[in-house]
Amino acid sequence: MTYKLLIAVAMAAAITLLVLLIGGGTLAMGRALAAPSRVATPVAVALNDDDLAAACTTAGGVVVMRTAAQTPDSEPIGALGEPEPFCEFTGGAGADEGSMISVLAETLASPNPTLAAMAYLQGKPMPAIDPPAPSGTPGAIVSMPNPASIYCQLAGGMESAWVATDMAADATFRNIAMCVFPDRSAIESWGIAYHAMGSVRGADLTGAFGWKP
């Protein structure tokens, strides 16, 4: 075999080996991309209506359907969405007589922390609220600011009116002010305000939330 022939055979073998290596690497890469990921991903906790009702009744509450309302004191109420289940408590041990507290059922049942649950369980003390300055108009009525609304805002929420869809129009708690947070959790404004002042409305929810800090 001549010298030139040996060189040609060696080059052919090298090219063949290179093709096999590239092809094998490409195939391995393709398999790696097609293979399912082994990295664990968080799984969202799905809570259906039965789960929410069970969490509410187990905690001693009653499920009440409510809808956000634009004009809660008139008919029609100007509903701002579909009704949502709330869990409501009255007559709990140590609660103020005749009081009630309402919390979105999903907020109560969630095993994950929510802003509403944290506002109740870990809320800051109620700040001092100064009376408004005189208006300068003789005989003008100057009303005190609503401490529940102020506390809701300080906690990072926004207050809105919610009307019970299955309660008589003259019921005491047909219309309530809920403190709704950016994560869509919600709890009654007066409930967290009173709790911040050391009083209990409706029932003590310290151990009722699905999330335990």
Foldseek 3Di string as FASTA:
>chain_A
DDPVVVVVVVVVVVVVVVVVVVVVVVVVVVCVVPDDDPDDDDDDDDADPVNLQVLLVVLPWDWFWKFFFPQCLDPPRHGPDGTFIKTKFADAPQADHPFMKIWGSCQQEDQDDDLALCLQQVNAAQDDFDADDDPPDPPDDGDGDDSLQVSLVVSAFHKTWMATPPDDSPDPPRIFIWTAHPVRTIIGSVQSNVSSVVHHGRYRCQPSGSHHD
